[in-house]
Amino acid sequence: MGSARLELAGAVFRVPGGCLTVGTRAVEGPGLLGVVGRTGSGKSNLLRCLAGLHPLAAGVFHARLAPDRRRLVLQRPEWQLYGATVSDVVGAGGEEALRRLGVAHLERARPYQLSTGERRRVMLAALLRADAPLVLLDEPTAGVDAEGQATAARVIAELADTRLVVVATHDWPWLVSQVPRAWWMEDLEVAGDGPPAELAARLTAGPELFDLVQELKRRRLPGESWWSAERLAAEIVPR
């Protein structure tokens, strides 16, 4: 399949509504890279930049693979479900991939008949069969039930064994437990780079803090542990 390496030096991309700054960074696969940030911070646009869909405005972007060797799954998977049936979307011989994603029974279904969660599972099944060293996933578990999230997490981990997988997500618990490195987006700029737990600990306010609080409430942790970002991160990060 071949390895994927992305090298950026002072990279700035032209995106709708302005310019997106990545700066000087490098990432190489196989492995997992997370992309996190507030809604509207530029996560989806960053994935499109790495996929080669937005032009470079300044700096250097070098990818050791052609655009047709990159696979981007959009936040709205229905935009990519080309084919009369699910089987057509995944391709010939995709029965095993569909089975592993728990959607083998939908093989003859029409893509437009699927739920959001089912569409995401079908796209992951297609990725399992794709010969692409770089996989870019935009919110792959949004709208997916708990069982589907667990299945998706297993498949993403498997993909990362042999490919570079970049995942934009708001799922902090999954990030801090499974992803070694993340880029933090802020106002169309990669403003942070490091372990997700460290990025979480830097948060002091805003939607991400709210999301962490909600996760702690879901886990029924003591209310007195909600008061600071550092305590929140400490509760989320597995010991």
C-alpha atoms as a PDB file:
ATOM      1  CA  MET A   1       0.000   0.000   0.000  1.00  0.00           C
ATOM      2  CA  GLY A   2       2.911   2.357   0.666  1.00  0.00           C
ATOM      3  CA  SER A   3       3.473   4.912   3.408  1.00  0.00           C
ATOM      4  CA  ALA A   4       2.117   8.446   3.571  1.00  0.00           C
ATOM      5  CA  ARG A   5       4.073  11.473   4.720  1.00  0.00           C
ATOM      6  CA  LEU A   6       2.798  15.042   4.747  1.00  0.00           C
ATOM      7  CA  GLU A   7       5.309  17.880   5.022  1.00  0.00           C
ATOM      8  CA  LEU A   8       4.221  21.511   5.346  1.00  0.00           C
ATOM      9  CA  ALA A   9       6.532  24.503   5.599  1.00  0.00           C
ATOM     10  CA  GLY A  10       4.880  27.861   6.268  1.00  0.00           C
ATOM     11  CA  ALA A  11       1.813  26.459   4.522  1.00  0.00           C
ATOM     12  CA  VAL A  12      -1.221  28.685   3.990  1.00  0.00           C
ATOM     13  CA  PHE A  13      -4.203  27.493   1.929  1.00  0.00           C
ATOM     14  CA  ARG A  14      -6.914  29.490   0.220  1.00  0.00           C
ATOM     15  CA  VAL A  15     -10.310  28.313   1.499  1.00  0.00           C
ATOM     16  CA  PRO A  16     -13.867  29.693   1.286  1.00  0.00           C
ATOM     17  CA  GLY A  17     -14.045  32.756   3.468  1.00  0.00           C
ATOM     18  CA  GLY A  18     -10.313  33.389   3.814  1.00  0.00           C
ATOM     19  CA  CYS A  19      -7.003  31.605   4.304  1.00  0.00           C
ATOM     20  CA  LEU A  20      -6.191  28.604   6.486  1.00  0.00           C
ATOM     21  CA  THR A  21      -2.767  28.507   8.138  1.00  0.00           C
ATOM     22  CA  VAL A  22      -1.099  25.196   8.934  1.00  0.00           C
ATOM     23  CA  GLY A  23       2.461  26.477   9.367  1.00  0.00           C
ATOM     24  CA  THR A  24       5.425  24.121   9.481  1.00  0.00           C
ATOM     25  CA  ARG A  25       4.521  20.576  10.478  1.00  0.00           C
ATOM     26  CA  ALA A  26       5.055  16.988   9.374  1.00  0.00           C
ATOM     27  CA  VAL A  27       3.118  13.808   9.958  1.00  0.00           C
ATOM     28  CA  GLU A  28       3.817  10.306   8.720  1.00  0.00           C
ATOM     29  CA  GLY A  29       1.902   7.043   8.665  1.00  0.00           C
ATOM     30  CA  PRO A  30       0.883   4.523   9.513  1.00  0.00           C
ATOM     31  CA  GLY A  31      -0.832   6.005  12.542  1.00  0.00           C
ATOM     32  CA  LEU A  32      -3.580   8.289  13.824  1.00  0.00           C
ATOM     33  CA  LEU A  33      -3.719  12.090  13.886  1.00  0.00           C
ATOM     34  CA  GLY A  34      -6.686  13.895  15.435  1.00  0.00           C
ATOM     35  CA  VAL A  35      -8.021  17.301  14.401  1.00  0.00           C
ATOM     36  CA  VAL A  36      -9.997  19.150  17.075  1.00  0.00           C
ATOM     37  CA  GLY A  37     -11.444  22.606  17.627  1.00  0.00           C
ATOM     38  CA  ARG A  38     -14.648  24.541  18.007  1.00  0.00           C
ATOM     39  CA  THR A  39     -17.372  24.325  15.385  1.00  0.00           C
ATOM     40  CA  GLY A  40     -16.364  26.640  12.553  1.00  0.00           C
ATOM     41  CA  SER A  41     -12.664  26.651  13.466  1.00  0.00           C
ATOM     42  CA  GLY A  42     -11.658  25.073  10.154  1.00  0.00           C
ATOM     43  CA  LYS A  43     -11.436  21.318  10.790  1.00  0.00           C
ATOM     44  CA  SER A  44     -13.322  20.283   7.646  1.00  0.00           C
ATOM     45  CA  ASN A  45     -11.417  22.768   5.503  1.00  0.00           C
ATOM     46  CA  LEU A  46      -8.125  21.445   6.863  1.00  0.00           C
ATOM     47  CA  LEU A  47      -9.024  17.921   5.748  1.00  0.00           C
ATOM     48  CA  ARG A  48      -9.902  19.239   2.310  1.00  0.00           C
ATOM     49  CA  CYS A  49      -6.538  21.021   2.170  1.00  0.00           C
ATOM     50  CA  LEU A  50      -4.702  17.785   2.986  1.00  0.00           C
ATOM     51  CA  ALA A  51      -6.779  16.016   0.338  1.00  0.00           C
ATOM     52  CA  GLY A  52      -5.557  18.516  -2.253  1.00  0.00           C
ATOM     53  CA  LEU A  53      -8.933  20.187  -2.780  1.00  0.00           C
ATOM     54  CA  HIS A  54      -7.915  23.728  -1.744  1.00  0.00           C
ATOM     55  CA  PRO A  55      -5.041  25.613  -3.413  1.00  0.00           C
ATOM     56  CA  LEU A  56      -1.855  26.539  -1.613  1.00  0.00           C
ATOM     57  CA  ALA A  57      -1.591  30.321  -1.150  1.00  0.00           C
ATOM     58  CA  ALA A  58       1.879  30.404   0.448  1.00  0.00           C
ATOM     59  CA  GLY A  59       4.583  28.088   1.690  1.00  0.00           C
ATOM     60  CA  VAL A  60       5.171  24.467   0.753  1.00  0.00           C
ATOM     61  CA  PHE A  61       2.952  21.405   0.946  1.00  0.00           C
ATOM     62  CA  HIS A  62       4.611  18.138  -0.001  1.00  0.00           C
ATOM     63  CA  ALA A  63       2.739  14.841   0.091  1.00  0.00           C
ATOM     64  CA  ARG A  64       4.475  11.625  -0.807  1.00  0.00           C
ATOM     65  CA  LEU A  65       1.399  10.415  -2.670  1.00  0.00           C
ATOM     66  CA  ALA A  66      -0.821  11.596  -5.499  1.00  0.00           C
ATOM     67  CA  PRO A  67      -4.306  13.044  -4.838  1.00  0.00           C
ATOM     68  CA  ASP A  68      -5.945   9.868  -6.162  1.00  0.00           C
ATOM     69  CA  ARG A  69      -4.152   7.935  -3.399  1.00  0.00           C
ATOM     70  CA  ARG A  70      -5.952   9.952  -0.716  1.00  0.00           C
ATOM     71  CA  ARG A  71      -9.449   9.187   0.543  1.00  0.00           C
ATOM     72  CA  LEU A  72     -11.618  11.855   2.156  1.00  0.00           C
ATOM     73  CA  VAL A  73     -14.912  10.966   3.838  1.00  0.00           C
ATOM     74  CA  LEU A  74     -16.994  14.108   4.183  1.00  0.00           C
ATOM     75  CA  GLN A  75     -19.045  15.123   7.201  1.00  0.00           C
ATOM     76  CA  ARG A  76     -22.144  14.414   5.104  1.00  0.00           C
ATOM     77  CA  PRO A  77     -21.476  10.893   3.749  1.00  0.00           C
ATOM     78  CA  GLU A  78     -24.577  10.983   1.541  1.00  0.00           C
ATOM     79  CA  TRP A  79     -22.639  13.306  -0.765  1.00  0.00           C
ATOM     80  CA  GLN A  80     -20.308  10.408  -1.608  1.00  0.00           C
ATOM     81  CA  LEU A  81     -22.653   7.436  -1.800  1.00  0.00           C
ATOM     82  CA  TYR A  82     -22.528   6.915  -5.555  1.00  0.00           C
ATOM     83  CA  GLY A  83     -24.256   3.767  -6.778  1.00  0.00           C
ATOM     84  CA  ALA A  84     -27.694   2.229  -7.050  1.00  0.00           C
ATOM     85  CA  THR A  85     -27.131  -0.048  -4.047  1.00  0.00           C
ATOM     86  CA  VAL A  86     -24.859  -0.312  -1.010  1.00  0.00           C
ATOM     87  CA  SER A  87     -23.029  -3.133  -2.778  1.00  0.00           C
ATOM     88  CA  ASP A  88     -22.261  -0.754  -5.672  1.00  0.00           C
ATOM     89  CA  VAL A  89     -20.853   1.825  -3.242  1.00  0.00           C
ATOM     90  CA  VAL A  90     -18.471  -0.622  -1.559  1.00  0.00           C
ATOM     91  CA  GLY A  91     -17.580  -2.495  -4.737  1.00  0.00           C
ATOM     92  CA  ALA A  92     -17.355  -6.106  -5.826  1.00  0.00           C
ATOM     93  CA  GLY A  93     -16.147  -8.433  -3.112  1.00  0.00           C
ATOM     94  CA  GLY A  94     -17.107  -6.033  -0.316  1.00  0.00           C
ATOM     95  CA  GLU A  95     -19.334  -8.473   1.553  1.00  0.00           C
ATOM     96  CA  GLU A  96     -16.763  -9.089   4.300  1.00  0.00           C
ATOM     97  CA  ALA A  97     -16.191  -5.374   4.861  1.00  0.00           C
ATOM     98  CA  LEU A  98     -19.936  -4.802   5.168  1.00  0.00           C
ATOM     99  CA  ARG A  99     -20.231  -7.697   7.596  1.00  0.00           C
ATOM    100  CA  ARG A 100     -17.498  -6.310   9.817  1.00  0.00           C
ATOM    101  CA  LEU A 101     -19.274  -2.956   9.952  1.00  0.00           C
ATOM    102  CA  GLY A 102     -22.544  -4.647  10.839  1.00  0.00           C
ATOM    103  CA  VAL A 103     -24.386  -3.627   7.668  1.00  0.00           C
ATOM    104  CA  ALA A 104     -24.198  -6.781   5.546  1.00  0.00           C
ATOM    105  CA  HIS A 105     -27.997  -6.966   5.624  1.00  0.00           C
ATOM    106  CA  LEU A 106     -28.120  -3.657   3.731  1.00  0.00           C
ATOM    107  CA  GLU A 107     -26.156  -4.918   0.737  1.00  0.00           C
ATOM    108  CA  ARG A 108     -29.067  -4.474  -1.703  1.00  0.00           C
ATOM    109  CA  ALA A 109     -30.485  -1.337  -0.055  1.00  0.00           C
ATOM    110  CA  ARG A 110     -30.600   2.022  -1.820  1.00  0.00           C
ATOM    111  CA  PRO A 111     -28.093   4.490  -0.300  1.00  0.00           C
ATOM    112  CA  TYR A 112     -30.739   7.195   0.099  1.00  0.00           C
ATOM    113  CA  GLN A 113     -32.775   4.821   2.280  1.00  0.00           C
ATOM    114  CA  LEU A 114     -30.050   4.544   4.920  1.00  0.00           C
ATOM    115  CA  SER A 115     -29.851   6.397   8.223  1.00  0.00           C
ATOM    116  CA  THR A 116     -26.913   8.721   8.896  1.00  0.00           C
ATOM    117  CA  GLY A 117     -25.213   6.091  11.044  1.00  0.00           C
ATOM    118  CA  GLU A 118     -25.678   3.409   8.384  1.00  0.00           C
ATOM    119  CA  ARG A 119     -24.227   5.693   5.730  1.00  0.00           C
ATOM    120  CA  ARG A 120     -21.125   6.283   7.848  1.00  0.00           C
ATOM    121  CA  ARG A 121     -20.672   2.536   8.337  1.00  0.00           C
ATOM    122  CA  VAL A 122     -20.984   1.946   4.592  1.00  0.00           C
ATOM    123  CA  MET A 123     -18.325   4.576   3.872  1.00  0.00           C
ATOM    124  CA  LEU A 124     -15.971   2.944   6.407  1.00  0.00           C
ATOM    125  CA  ALA A 125     -16.587  -0.409   4.723  1.00  0.00           C
ATOM    126  CA  ALA A 126     -15.594   1.147   1.406  1.00  0.00           C
ATOM    127  CA  LEU A 127     -12.416   2.505   3.011  1.00  0.00           C
ATOM    128  CA  LEU A 128     -11.435  -0.963   4.229  1.00  0.00           C
ATOM    129  CA  ARG A 129     -11.254  -2.038   0.596  1.00  0.00           C
ATOM    130  CA  ALA A 130      -9.620   1.104  -0.772  1.00  0.00           C
ATOM    131  CA  ASP A 131      -5.908   1.076  -1.619  1.00  0.00           C
ATOM    132  CA  ALA A 132      -5.181   4.487  -0.090  1.00  0.00           C
ATOM    133  CA  PRO A 133      -2.215   5.231   2.220  1.00  0.00           C
ATOM    134  CA  LEU A 134      -3.918   8.449   3.453  1.00  0.00           C
ATOM    135  CA  VAL A 135      -7.449   8.420   4.895  1.00  0.00           C
ATOM    136  CA  LEU A 136      -9.172  11.648   6.019  1.00  0.00           C
ATOM    137  CA  LEU A 137     -12.319  11.271   8.129  1.00  0.00           C
ATOM    138  CA  ASP A 138     -14.618  14.174   9.004  1.00  0.00           C
ATOM    139  CA  GLU A 139     -16.708  13.418  12.124  1.00  0.00           C
ATOM    140  CA  PRO A 140     -16.946   9.665  11.373  1.00  0.00           C
ATOM    141  CA  THR A 141     -19.045   8.872  14.475  1.00  0.00           C
ATOM    142  CA  ALA A 142     -21.448  11.821  14.444  1.00  0.00           C
ATOM    143  CA  GLY A 143     -25.026  10.589  14.388  1.00  0.00           C
ATOM    144  CA  VAL A 144     -23.939   7.014  15.155  1.00  0.00           C
ATOM    145  CA  ASP A 145     -25.293   5.012  18.111  1.00  0.00           C
ATOM    146  CA  ALA A 146     -23.019   3.602  20.838  1.00  0.00           C
ATOM    147  CA  GLU A 147     -22.622   0.242  19.104  1.00  0.00           C
ATOM    148  CA  GLY A 148     -21.792   1.960  15.838  1.00  0.00           C
ATOM    149  CA  GLN A 149     -19.253   4.201  17.557  1.00  0.00           C
ATOM    150  CA  ALA A 150     -17.482   1.177  19.032  1.00  0.00           C
ATOM    151  CA  THR A 151     -17.447  -0.541  15.636  1.00  0.00           C
ATOM    152  CA  ALA A 152     -16.147   2.597  13.935  1.00  0.00           C
ATOM    153  CA  ALA A 153     -13.395   2.963  16.553  1.00  0.00           C
ATOM    154  CA  ARG A 154     -12.211  -0.597  15.872  1.00  0.00           C
ATOM    155  CA  VAL A 155     -12.194  -0.046  12.115  1.00  0.00           C
ATOM    156  CA  ILE A 156     -10.347   3.283  12.414  1.00  0.00           C
ATOM    157  CA  ALA A 157      -7.715   1.602  14.599  1.00  0.00           C
ATOM    158  CA  GLU A 158      -7.340  -1.145  12.001  1.00  0.00           C
ATOM    159  CA  LEU A 159      -6.980   1.382   9.185  1.00  0.00           C
ATOM    160  CA  ALA A 160      -4.295   3.181  11.188  1.00  0.00           C
ATOM    161  CA  ASP A 161      -2.251  -0.029  11.422  1.00  0.00           C
ATOM    162  CA  THR A 162      -1.369   0.279   7.738  1.00  0.00           C
ATOM    163  CA  ARG A 163      -2.252   3.877   6.760  1.00  0.00           C
ATOM    164  CA  LEU A 164      -2.087   7.454   7.929  1.00  0.00           C
ATOM    165  CA  VAL A 165      -5.571   8.273   9.257  1.00  0.00           C
ATOM    166  CA  VAL A 166      -6.492  11.889  10.043  1.00  0.00           C
ATOM    167  CA  VAL A 167      -9.751  12.227  11.996  1.00  0.00           C
ATOM    168  CA  ALA A 168     -11.631  15.473  12.693  1.00  0.00           C
ATOM    169  CA  THR A 169     -13.821  14.897  15.741  1.00  0.00           C
ATOM    170  CA  HIS A 170     -15.386  16.348  18.890  1.00  0.00           C
ATOM    171  CA  ASP A 171     -15.082  13.006  20.705  1.00  0.00           C
ATOM    172  CA  TRP A 172     -12.563  13.952  23.417  1.00  0.00           C
ATOM    173  CA  PRO A 173     -12.808  10.698  25.421  1.00  0.00           C
ATOM    174  CA  TRP A 174     -11.926   8.684  22.315  1.00  0.00           C
ATOM    175  CA  LEU A 175      -9.136  11.105  21.416  1.00  0.00           C
ATOM    176  CA  VAL A 176      -7.375  11.007  24.749  1.00  0.00           C
ATOM    177  CA  SER A 177      -7.633   7.236  25.042  1.00  0.00           C
ATOM    178  CA  GLN A 178      -6.787   6.202  21.471  1.00  0.00           C
ATOM    179  CA  VAL A 179      -5.055   9.005  19.553  1.00  0.00           C
ATOM    180  CA  PRO A 180      -1.413   9.875  20.313  1.00  0.00           C
ATOM    181  CA  ARG A 181      -1.353  13.271  18.603  1.00  0.00           C
ATOM    182  CA  ALA A 182      -3.813  15.977  17.561  1.00  0.00           C
ATOM    183  CA  TRP A 183      -3.825  19.356  15.846  1.00  0.00           C
ATOM    184  CA  TRP A 184      -5.902  22.041  17.555  1.00  0.00           C
ATOM    185  CA  MET A 185      -7.751  24.392  15.161  1.00  0.00           C
ATOM    186  CA  GLU A 186      -8.602  27.976  16.087  1.00  0.00           C
ATOM    187  CA  ASP A 187      -9.906  30.610  13.636  1.00  0.00           C
ATOM    188  CA  LEU A 188      -8.672  28.831  10.481  1.00  0.00           C
ATOM    189  CA  GLU A 189      -5.244  28.117  11.983  1.00  0.00           C
ATOM    190  CA  VAL A 190      -3.523  25.082  13.444  1.00  0.00           C
ATOM    191  CA  ALA A 191      -2.864  26.694  16.816  1.00  0.00           C
ATOM    192  CA  GLY A 192      -1.721  23.662  18.798  1.00  0.00           C
ATOM    193  CA  ASP A 193      -0.039  20.318  18.228  1.00  0.00           C
ATOM    194  CA  GLY A 194       0.411  17.572  20.806  1.00  0.00           C
ATOM    195  CA  PRO A 195      -1.173  14.758  22.816  1.00  0.00           C
ATOM    196  CA  PRO A 196      -4.966  15.265  23.070  1.00  0.00           C
ATOM    197  CA  ALA A 197      -4.841  15.076  26.875  1.00  0.00           C
ATOM    198  CA  GLU A 198      -2.453  18.027  26.985  1.00  0.00           C
ATOM    199  CA  LEU A 199      -4.626  20.005  24.585  1.00  0.00           C
ATOM    200  CA  ALA A 200      -7.681  19.274  26.726  1.00  0.00           C
ATOM    201  CA  ALA A 201      -5.877  20.476  29.839  1.00  0.00           C
ATOM    202  CA  ARG A 202      -5.241  23.869  28.212  1.00  0.00           C
ATOM    203  CA  LEU A 203      -8.929  24.568  27.742  1.00  0.00           C
ATOM    204  CA  THR A 204     -10.343  27.159  30.086  1.00  0.00           C
ATOM    205  CA  ALA A 205     -13.699  28.017  28.490  1.00  0.00           C
ATOM    206  CA  GLY A 206     -15.875  27.632  25.436  1.00  0.00           C
ATOM    207  CA  PRO A 207     -17.811  24.810  23.764  1.00  0.00           C
ATOM    208  CA  GLU A 208     -15.111  22.190  24.335  1.00  0.00           C
ATOM    209  CA  LEU A 209     -15.238  22.739  28.102  1.00  0.00           C
ATOM    210  CA  PHE A 210     -19.008  22.356  27.927  1.00  0.00           C
ATOM    211  CA  ASP A 211     -18.612  19.092  25.970  1.00  0.00           C
ATOM    212  CA  LEU A 212     -16.203  17.748  28.583  1.00  0.00           C
ATOM    213  CA  VAL A 213     -18.589  18.676  31.381  1.00  0.00           C
ATOM    214  CA  GLN A 214     -21.422  16.877  29.618  1.00  0.00           C
ATOM    215  CA  GLU A 215     -19.266  13.788  29.255  1.00  0.00           C
ATOM    216  CA  LEU A 216     -18.477  13.823  32.984  1.00  0.00           C
ATOM    217  CA  LYS A 217     -22.156  14.209  33.784  1.00  0.00           C
ATOM    218  CA  ARG A 218     -22.928  11.257  31.525  1.00  0.00           C
ATOM    219  CA  ARG A 219     -20.376   9.224  33.451  1.00  0.00           C
ATOM    220  CA  ARG A 220     -21.977  10.410  36.732  1.00  0.00           C
ATOM    221  CA  LEU A 221     -18.733  11.729  38.155  1.00  0.00           C
ATOM    222  CA  PRO A 222     -18.901  13.976  41.243  1.00  0.00           C
ATOM    223  CA  GLY A 223     -20.075  17.513  40.555  1.00  0.00           C
ATOM    224  CA  GLU A 224     -17.153  19.064  42.430  1.00  0.00           C
ATOM    225  CA  SER A 225     -14.787  17.677  39.774  1.00  0.00           C
ATOM    226  CA  TRP A 226     -16.333  19.812  37.014  1.00  0.00           C
ATOM    227  CA  TRP A 227     -14.912  23.161  37.991  1.00  0.00           C
ATOM    228  CA  SER A 228     -11.616  23.338  36.061  1.00  0.00           C
ATOM    229  CA  ALA A 229     -10.235  22.217  32.712  1.00  0.00           C
ATOM    230  CA  GLU A 230      -7.310  20.524  34.455  1.00  0.00           C
ATOM    231  CA  ARG A 231      -9.624  18.458  36.626  1.00  0.00           C
ATOM    232  CA  LEU A 232     -11.801  17.678  33.619  1.00  0.00           C
ATOM    233  CA  ALA A 233      -8.815  16.416  31.641  1.00  0.00           C
ATOM    234  CA  ALA A 234      -7.625  14.397  34.615  1.00  0.00           C
ATOM    235  CA  GLU A 235     -11.010  12.684  34.861  1.00  0.00           C
ATOM    236  CA  ILE A 236     -11.211  11.967  31.122  1.00  0.00           C
ATOM    237  CA  VAL A 237      -7.655  10.663  30.635  1.00  0.00           C
ATOM    238  CA  PRO A 238      -7.376   6.963  31.536  1.00  0.00           C
ATOM    239  CA  ARG A 239      -5.003   6.335  34.435  1.00  0.00           C
END
